[in-house]
Amino acid sequence: MSSLVVQTSFLGDVVLTTPLIAELATRGPVDVLTTPEGSAILSNNPSIRNVMVFDRREADRGIFGFARTVGRIRHAGLYGSPEASEPIQNTTNGFYDAAYLAQGSFRGALLVLATGIRTRIGFNTSEARWLYTDRVEYRPDRHHAERLWWLSMSACADPPLPEQIAPRLFPSADDDRAADALLRANLVDRARPFIALAPGSAWGTKRWPFYPELAVRIASEFNVVVVGGKGDVATGDMIISRLPQGCGANAAGRLGILASAALIGRAAALVSNDSAPQHLASATNTPTVSVFGPTVPQFGFGPLARGSTVAGRDSLACRPCDRHGPQRCPLGHWRCMRELSSDYVFDLLTQTHS
């Protein structure tokens, strides 16, 4: 059985799709259609035959980009590789047996429909559900990694074991070397454990404002390493500038996504907003304190690593206010984050690491 998985959402969603991919790989070849950023996350994954990039904002935008992507999918399904010239022998209809719409967007479903894949599986709540042949119940009470895993299972299957829904990433030897080199270049006492901090988020109200204060508290006992993307470089520099020389490093924007995962895997713990780094920590089984403000872990995107915990103001009537987190607080007070002190998060971190 050959499968196509379509996941063109946020980086964290791509990470949480890896248990589904691993399950499907036990049945046959798996190809994945994802974003340029998602393709970097999925590098080296032994469960994946081909990673195909759908760059909908640049190279593949518009009707011609759509058509090229349809052609790439069809070629990979028929030939087993985007570069192969001989069709696969002895496959059902010489094509994918099923496509799994992990994101649920209308555009993704149209792409799959246009390829001619006959079995199209997705959630019964997706905007494109009318284009699916099989609709799977969306289980709001489950973690999203488990929800995605259920796309591959019958409704009467046994619930998954924790290891079946654990995200998995595969940093290369070069990723490991890059992570180690950054630590060697910045930390004086490398035998001292470090705490990773992930202060960034694409959503403004998800960015907890007290990371600098927390870093100062942590530096009395641990080294501090900031992780994140290019947009987090200035924040990381500001946090590290508050610390004694040689006990902090800013890795934001300086490592690729899998090298960042390798770095997080070396940390004693991670403190993160509700954003992609906490899912990298889940994949590396790094204990995590996840700071939730406008969103809540009940949406299904909390940390999965052992010993993890969540910081949040559960008593606020206005919380949650959004599925993702708006750029500005709708009520103007942002109490969900402002009332989470650095002392409170430090205490949670101490409990997590003890």
Protein backbone atom coordinates (compact mmCIF):
# COMPACT_ATOMS: atom_id res chain seq x y z
CA MET A 1 0.00 0.00 0.00
CA SER A 2 1.46 3.37 -1.01
CA SER A 3 0.35 6.59 0.69
CA LEU A 4 0.57 10.33 0.15
CA VAL A 5 0.44 12.60 3.20
CA VAL A 6 -0.38 16.27 2.63
CA GLN A 7 0.74 18.60 5.44
CA THR A 8 1.37 22.23 4.48
CA SER A 9 0.54 23.89 7.79
CA PHE A 10 2.78 25.31 10.53
CA LEU A 11 6.09 23.72 11.53
CA GLY A 12 4.65 22.30 14.73
CA ASP A 13 1.88 20.58 12.78
CA VAL A 14 4.49 18.99 10.52
CA VAL A 15 6.31 17.60 13.55
CA LEU A 16 3.03 16.23 14.96
CA THR A 17 2.33 14.47 11.65
CA THR A 18 5.37 12.21 12.01
CA PRO A 19 3.53 9.54 14.06
CA LEU A 20 0.96 9.22 11.24
CA ILE A 21 3.79 8.91 8.72
CA ALA A 22 5.50 6.23 10.82
CA GLU A 23 2.26 4.24 11.07
CA LEU A 24 1.63 4.38 7.34
CA ALA A 25 5.23 3.34 6.64
CA THR A 26 4.56 -0.01 8.30
CA ARG A 27 2.17 -0.72 5.40
CA GLY A 28 4.15 0.52 2.43
CA PRO A 29 5.93 3.52 0.86
CA VAL A 30 4.97 7.00 2.08
CA ASP A 31 5.46 10.26 0.19
CA VAL A 32 4.82 13.64 1.82
CA LEU A 33 3.77 16.95 0.28
CA THR A 34 4.76 19.84 2.51
CA THR A 35 6.15 23.38 2.63
CA PRO A 36 9.81 24.31 2.11
CA GLU A 37 10.16 24.67 5.89
CA GLY A 38 8.37 21.38 6.47
CA SER A 39 10.72 19.58 4.10
CA ALA A 40 13.66 20.60 6.30
CA ILE A 41 11.96 19.13 9.37
CA LEU A 42 11.30 15.84 7.59
CA SER A 43 14.85 15.39 6.28
CA ASN A 44 16.45 12.01 7.01
CA ASN A 45 13.13 10.50 8.14
CA PRO A 46 13.44 6.77 7.33
CA SER A 47 9.65 6.39 7.13
CA ILE A 48 9.44 8.69 4.09
CA ARG A 49 10.24 7.68 0.52
CA ASN A 50 9.94 11.16 -1.03
CA VAL A 51 9.42 14.64 0.37
CA MET A 52 7.80 16.90 -2.23
CA VAL A 53 7.77 20.66 -1.71
CA PHE A 54 4.69 22.75 -2.38
CA ASP A 55 5.91 26.36 -2.24
CA ARG A 56 2.48 27.95 -2.53
CA ARG A 57 3.68 31.47 -1.71
CA GLU A 58 6.53 31.62 -4.22
CA ALA A 59 7.54 29.03 -6.83
CA ASP A 60 4.22 27.16 -6.88
CA ARG A 61 1.75 29.99 -6.52
CA GLY A 62 -1.01 30.51 -9.08
CA ILE A 63 -2.59 28.12 -11.54
CA PHE A 64 0.69 27.14 -13.21
CA GLY A 65 2.32 26.30 -9.89
CA PHE A 66 -0.75 24.29 -8.97
CA ALA A 67 -0.51 22.34 -12.24
CA ARG A 68 3.24 21.69 -11.79
CA THR A 69 2.60 20.34 -8.29
CA VAL A 70 -0.13 18.03 -9.55
CA GLY A 71 2.33 16.73 -12.13
CA ARG A 72 5.04 16.13 -9.52
CA ILE A 73 2.64 14.20 -7.32
CA ARG A 74 1.43 12.04 -10.18
CA HIS A 75 4.98 11.32 -11.34
CA ALA A 76 6.18 10.37 -7.84
CA GLY A 77 3.15 8.13 -7.33
CA LEU A 78 3.58 6.35 -10.65
CA TYR A 79 7.37 6.16 -10.74
CA GLY A 80 8.27 6.02 -7.04
CA SER A 81 10.48 9.10 -7.29
CA PRO A 82 10.28 12.57 -8.86
CA GLU A 83 13.44 11.71 -10.85
CA ALA A 84 12.68 8.11 -11.90
CA SER A 85 11.96 7.28 -15.55
CA GLU A 86 10.53 3.76 -15.21
CA PRO A 87 7.07 3.19 -13.73
CA ILE A 88 6.69 1.13 -10.57
CA GLN A 89 5.63 -2.44 -11.20
CA ASN A 90 2.99 -4.38 -9.27
CA THR A 91 1.34 -1.46 -7.48
CA THR A 92 -2.40 -1.02 -7.10
CA ASN A 93 -3.46 0.92 -10.17
CA GLY A 94 0.21 1.94 -10.49
CA PHE A 95 -0.52 4.86 -8.17
CA TYR A 96 -1.08 5.92 -4.55
CA ASP A 97 -3.63 3.79 -2.75
CA ALA A 98 -4.70 6.69 -0.52
CA ALA A 99 -4.00 10.31 0.33
CA TYR A 100 -4.18 11.58 3.89
CA LEU A 101 -5.11 15.25 4.20
CA ALA A 102 -3.41 16.10 7.49
CA GLN A 103 -3.97 19.85 7.19
CA GLY A 104 -7.50 19.97 5.78
CA SER A 105 -7.17 23.02 3.52
CA PHE A 106 -9.35 23.37 0.45
CA ARG A 107 -6.32 23.97 -1.80
CA GLY A 108 -4.59 20.81 -0.59
CA ALA A 109 -7.71 18.75 -1.20
CA LEU A 110 -8.07 20.19 -4.71
CA LEU A 111 -4.45 19.25 -5.46
CA VAL A 112 -5.08 15.66 -4.45
CA LEU A 113 -8.39 15.50 -6.31
CA ALA A 114 -6.68 16.78 -9.46
CA THR A 115 -4.06 14.02 -9.29
CA GLY A 116 -6.74 11.34 -9.56
CA ILE A 117 -6.01 9.64 -6.23
CA ARG A 118 -9.23 7.78 -5.56
CA THR A 119 -9.15 7.46 -1.77
CA ARG A 120 -8.87 10.79 0.05
CA ILE A 121 -8.97 10.73 3.85
CA GLY A 122 -9.36 13.69 6.20
CA PHE A 123 -11.21 15.02 9.22
CA ASN A 124 -14.97 15.43 9.19
CA THR A 125 -14.56 19.04 10.39
CA SER A 126 -12.18 20.22 7.64
CA GLU A 127 -13.25 22.93 5.24
CA ALA A 128 -12.52 20.58 2.35
CA ARG A 129 -14.37 17.56 3.80
CA TRP A 130 -16.76 17.44 0.83
CA LEU A 131 -13.80 16.52 -1.38
CA TYR A 132 -12.87 13.52 0.79
CA THR A 133 -14.00 9.97 0.17
CA ASP A 134 -13.45 9.02 3.84
CA ARG A 135 -14.12 11.37 6.77
CA VAL A 136 -12.55 10.58 10.13
CA GLU A 137 -13.97 11.95 13.36
CA TYR A 138 -12.03 14.93 14.66
CA ARG A 139 -11.50 14.23 18.36
CA PRO A 140 -11.18 17.58 20.16
CA ASP A 141 -10.31 15.88 23.46
CA ARG A 142 -7.16 14.23 22.05
CA HIS A 143 -3.68 15.57 21.41
CA HIS A 144 -3.25 16.59 17.78
CA ALA A 145 -0.52 13.98 17.24
CA GLU A 146 -3.07 11.34 18.21
CA ARG A 147 -5.81 12.93 16.11
CA LEU A 148 -3.57 12.75 13.05
CA TRP A 149 -2.59 9.16 13.86
CA TRP A 150 -6.29 8.21 13.83
CA LEU A 151 -6.49 9.21 10.16
CA SER A 152 -4.75 5.93 9.39
CA MET A 153 -6.88 3.74 11.66
CA SER A 154 -10.37 2.31 11.73
CA ALA A 155 -12.76 3.66 14.36
CA CYS A 156 -12.69 0.33 16.21
CA ALA A 157 -8.90 0.23 16.61
CA ASP A 158 -7.33 0.17 20.07
CA PRO A 159 -6.17 3.54 21.43
CA PRO A 160 -2.49 4.21 20.67
CA LEU A 161 0.33 3.61 23.08
CA PRO A 162 2.34 6.74 24.03
CA GLU A 163 5.25 5.67 21.84
CA GLN A 164 2.93 5.37 18.82
CA ILE A 165 2.01 9.07 18.96
CA ALA A 166 5.43 10.35 19.98
CA PRO A 167 6.80 12.79 17.37
CA ARG A 168 10.11 11.81 15.84
CA LEU A 169 12.84 13.81 14.12
CA PHE A 170 16.17 12.71 12.66
CA PRO A 171 18.99 15.28 12.89
CA SER A 172 21.99 14.40 10.78
CA ALA A 173 25.61 14.14 11.93
CA ASP A 174 26.12 17.65 10.52
CA ASP A 175 23.19 18.91 12.62
CA ASP A 176 24.76 17.37 15.74
CA ARG A 177 28.11 18.95 14.92
CA ALA A 178 26.53 22.37 14.39
CA ALA A 179 24.74 22.20 17.74
CA ASP A 180 27.91 21.13 19.55
CA ALA A 181 30.00 23.81 17.84
CA LEU A 182 27.63 26.56 18.95
CA LEU A 183 27.81 25.38 22.55
CA ARG A 184 31.60 25.12 22.46
CA ALA A 185 31.95 28.62 21.03
CA ASN A 186 29.73 30.32 23.61
CA LEU A 187 29.69 28.46 26.93
CA VAL A 188 32.71 28.59 29.22
CA ASP A 189 31.65 25.76 31.55
CA ARG A 190 30.25 23.21 29.13
CA ALA A 191 29.92 20.59 31.88
CA ARG A 192 27.24 22.78 33.43
CA PRO A 193 23.75 21.80 32.17
CA PHE A 194 21.81 24.35 30.16
CA ILE A 195 18.17 25.36 29.92
CA ALA A 196 16.84 26.23 26.47
CA LEU A 197 14.49 29.20 26.11
CA ALA A 198 12.19 29.69 23.10
CA PRO A 199 10.75 33.24 23.38
CA GLY A 200 9.36 33.53 19.84
CA SER A 201 6.02 32.91 18.17
CA ALA A 202 4.35 33.94 14.94
CA TRP A 203 1.45 35.22 17.06
CA GLY A 204 2.04 38.35 19.14
CA THR A 205 -0.08 37.44 22.16
CA LYS A 206 1.69 34.08 22.52
CA ARG A 207 5.03 35.74 23.33
CA TRP A 208 5.46 35.65 27.10
CA PRO A 209 7.25 38.91 28.03
CA PHE A 210 9.37 37.79 31.00
CA TYR A 211 12.04 35.61 29.40
CA PRO A 212 14.84 38.09 30.26
CA GLU A 213 13.91 37.98 33.96
CA LEU A 214 13.63 34.20 33.87
CA ALA A 215 17.04 33.88 32.18
CA VAL A 216 18.67 35.86 35.00
CA ARG A 217 17.09 33.52 37.57
CA ILE A 218 18.18 30.43 35.64
CA ALA A 219 21.78 31.64 35.19
CA SER A 220 22.49 31.22 38.89
CA GLU A 221 22.22 27.45 38.43
CA PHE A 222 22.39 26.68 34.70
CA ASN A 223 23.71 27.92 31.41
CA VAL A 224 21.07 29.48 29.14
CA VAL A 225 20.63 28.92 25.40
CA VAL A 226 18.02 30.78 23.35
CA VAL A 227 16.51 28.94 20.37
CA GLY A 228 14.32 30.27 17.59
CA GLY A 229 14.19 31.56 14.05
CA LYS A 230 15.65 34.60 12.33
CA GLY A 231 12.91 36.81 13.76
CA ASP A 232 14.06 35.96 17.29
CA VAL A 233 17.71 37.03 16.94
CA ALA A 234 17.28 40.47 18.53
CA THR A 235 15.27 39.05 21.42
CA GLY A 236 17.87 36.36 21.97
CA ASP A 237 20.72 38.87 21.94
CA MET A 238 18.89 41.00 24.51
CA ILE A 239 18.29 38.01 26.80
CA ILE A 240 21.91 36.84 26.64
CA SER A 241 23.19 40.39 27.27
CA ARG A 242 21.60 40.22 30.72
CA LEU A 243 23.69 37.21 31.73
CA PRO A 244 27.28 36.82 32.96
CA GLN A 245 29.81 36.38 30.19
CA GLY A 246 30.19 32.79 29.02
CA CYS A 247 27.06 31.29 30.55
CA GLY A 248 24.66 32.03 27.70
CA ALA A 249 24.34 31.48 23.95
CA ASN A 250 21.92 32.79 21.35
CA ALA A 251 21.20 30.06 18.79
CA ALA A 252 18.18 31.87 17.30
CA GLY A 253 18.56 32.20 13.54
CA ARG A 254 21.96 30.52 13.66
CA LEU A 255 20.97 26.87 13.32
CA GLY A 256 18.72 24.96 10.96
CA ILE A 257 15.54 23.41 12.29
CA LEU A 258 16.98 19.93 12.82
CA ALA A 259 20.17 21.33 14.36
CA SER A 260 17.90 23.31 16.71
CA ALA A 261 16.14 20.04 17.57
CA ALA A 262 19.53 18.45 18.26
CA LEU A 263 20.38 21.38 20.53
CA ILE A 264 17.07 21.11 22.42
CA GLY A 265 17.74 17.41 22.82
CA ARG A 266 20.92 18.29 24.75
CA ALA A 267 19.10 20.67 27.13
CA ALA A 268 18.17 19.81 30.70
CA ALA A 269 14.77 21.39 29.96
CA LEU A 270 13.04 23.84 27.63
CA VAL A 271 10.83 26.82 28.42
CA SER A 272 8.71 27.65 25.39
CA ASN A 273 5.64 29.52 24.28
CA ASP A 274 2.86 27.57 22.57
CA SER A 275 4.93 27.29 19.40
CA ALA A 276 7.07 24.92 17.33
CA PRO A 277 10.03 24.50 19.75
CA GLN A 278 7.86 22.67 22.29
CA HIS A 279 7.08 20.10 19.59
CA LEU A 280 10.81 19.76 18.82
CA ALA A 281 11.23 19.05 22.54
CA SER A 282 8.47 16.44 22.37
CA ALA A 283 10.39 14.73 19.55
CA THR A 284 13.63 14.77 21.56
CA ASN A 285 11.87 13.92 24.86
CA THR A 286 13.19 17.06 26.56
CA PRO A 287 11.17 18.13 29.64
CA THR A 288 9.26 21.30 28.80
CA VAL A 289 7.52 24.14 30.58
CA SER A 290 5.06 25.44 27.98
CA VAL A 291 3.67 28.94 28.55
CA PHE A 292 0.06 29.19 27.36
CA GLY A 293 -1.64 32.59 27.26
CA PRO A 294 -4.48 33.16 24.77
CA THR A 295 -4.55 29.46 23.86
CA VAL A 296 -4.91 26.38 26.06
CA PRO A 297 -3.34 22.89 25.92
CA GLN A 298 -6.85 21.45 25.67
CA PHE A 299 -6.75 22.44 21.99
CA GLY A 300 -4.42 19.45 21.62
CA PHE A 301 -1.02 21.09 21.16
CA GLY A 302 0.62 20.74 24.56
CA PRO A 303 4.04 19.18 25.26
CA LEU A 304 4.40 15.39 25.12
CA ALA A 305 7.90 14.94 26.55
CA ARG A 306 8.32 13.21 29.89
CA GLY A 307 8.09 15.44 32.95
CA SER A 308 6.58 18.38 31.05
CA THR A 309 4.17 20.88 32.54
CA VAL A 310 2.12 23.90 31.48
CA ALA A 311 2.02 27.49 32.79
CA GLY A 312 -1.30 29.28 32.39
CA ARG A 313 -3.98 31.45 34.03
CA ASP A 314 -6.88 29.00 34.12
CA SER A 315 -9.19 31.34 36.07
CA LEU A 316 -9.45 34.02 33.37
CA ALA A 317 -12.95 34.09 31.87
CA CYS A 318 -11.65 35.51 28.57
CA ARG A 319 -9.29 32.60 28.01
CA PRO A 320 -8.93 31.04 25.48
CA CYS A 321 -9.70 33.88 23.09
CA ASP A 322 -8.47 32.35 19.83
CA ARG A 323 -7.43 29.03 18.29
CA HIS A 324 -4.00 30.41 17.36
CA GLY A 325 -3.55 33.57 19.40
CA PRO A 326 -4.24 37.05 17.96
CA GLN A 327 -1.52 39.60 17.39
CA ARG A 328 -3.08 41.87 20.04
CA CYS A 329 -5.22 41.15 23.09
CA PRO A 330 -8.89 41.72 22.09
CA LEU A 331 -9.56 43.27 25.52
CA GLY A 332 -6.34 45.27 25.70
CA HIS A 333 -5.06 43.93 29.04
CA TRP A 334 -3.15 40.76 28.02
CA ARG A 335 -3.58 39.41 31.55
CA CYS A 336 -3.17 35.83 30.36
CA MET A 337 0.56 36.54 29.91
CA ARG A 338 1.24 39.56 32.12
CA GLU A 339 0.00 37.68 35.19
CA LEU A 340 2.40 34.77 34.67
CA SER A 341 5.44 35.92 36.63
CA SER A 342 9.01 34.77 36.09
CA ASP A 343 9.00 33.45 39.68
CA TYR A 344 5.99 31.25 38.88
CA VAL A 345 7.57 29.84 35.71
CA PHE A 346 10.93 29.36 37.45
CA ASP A 347 9.21 27.34 40.18
CA LEU A 348 7.56 25.14 37.54
CA LEU A 349 10.92 24.72 35.82
CA THR A 350 12.54 23.70 39.10
CA GLN A 351 9.84 21.07 39.64
CA THR A 352 10.20 19.84 36.07
CA HIS A 353 13.95 19.43 36.32
CA SER A 354 14.04 17.95 39.84
